[in-house]
């Protein structure tokens, strides 16, 4: 069993930055891709960013336009999401998840069913 715990969310103003963290415990497999998703009220959960097992490959949702950066530290079993220039529309619950693959490809980065473990989420609220 794998446990993922997100932290770092909060209430910020538009233009501010936040750094989310995801700590893994249990029978974690460092040789798996990881992803961040988000879900706003009344909307479907959507892919935000993903990273391969060794950090060499990253993928981002098109709407981010370079504002977010995903990283990982396998020695510490953590994955981070640096979020800069936050906008009101970034308000959502942010989830980290472990992918079934070592290095996802193509649309498999975005598919929720390709992730087998999820954290409980951390709320990010951006005031305009």
Foldseek 3Di string as FASTA:
>chain_A
DKAKAKDWADEEAAQAKIKMKIAMDDPDDLLFKKFKWWDDPPGDIWTAKIAASVRPDMDGDPVLVPQWDWDDDVVRRMIMIIGGRDDQVVWTWMKMFTFPHRDDDDCLSIDPVRTDDMYPTDTHGYHD
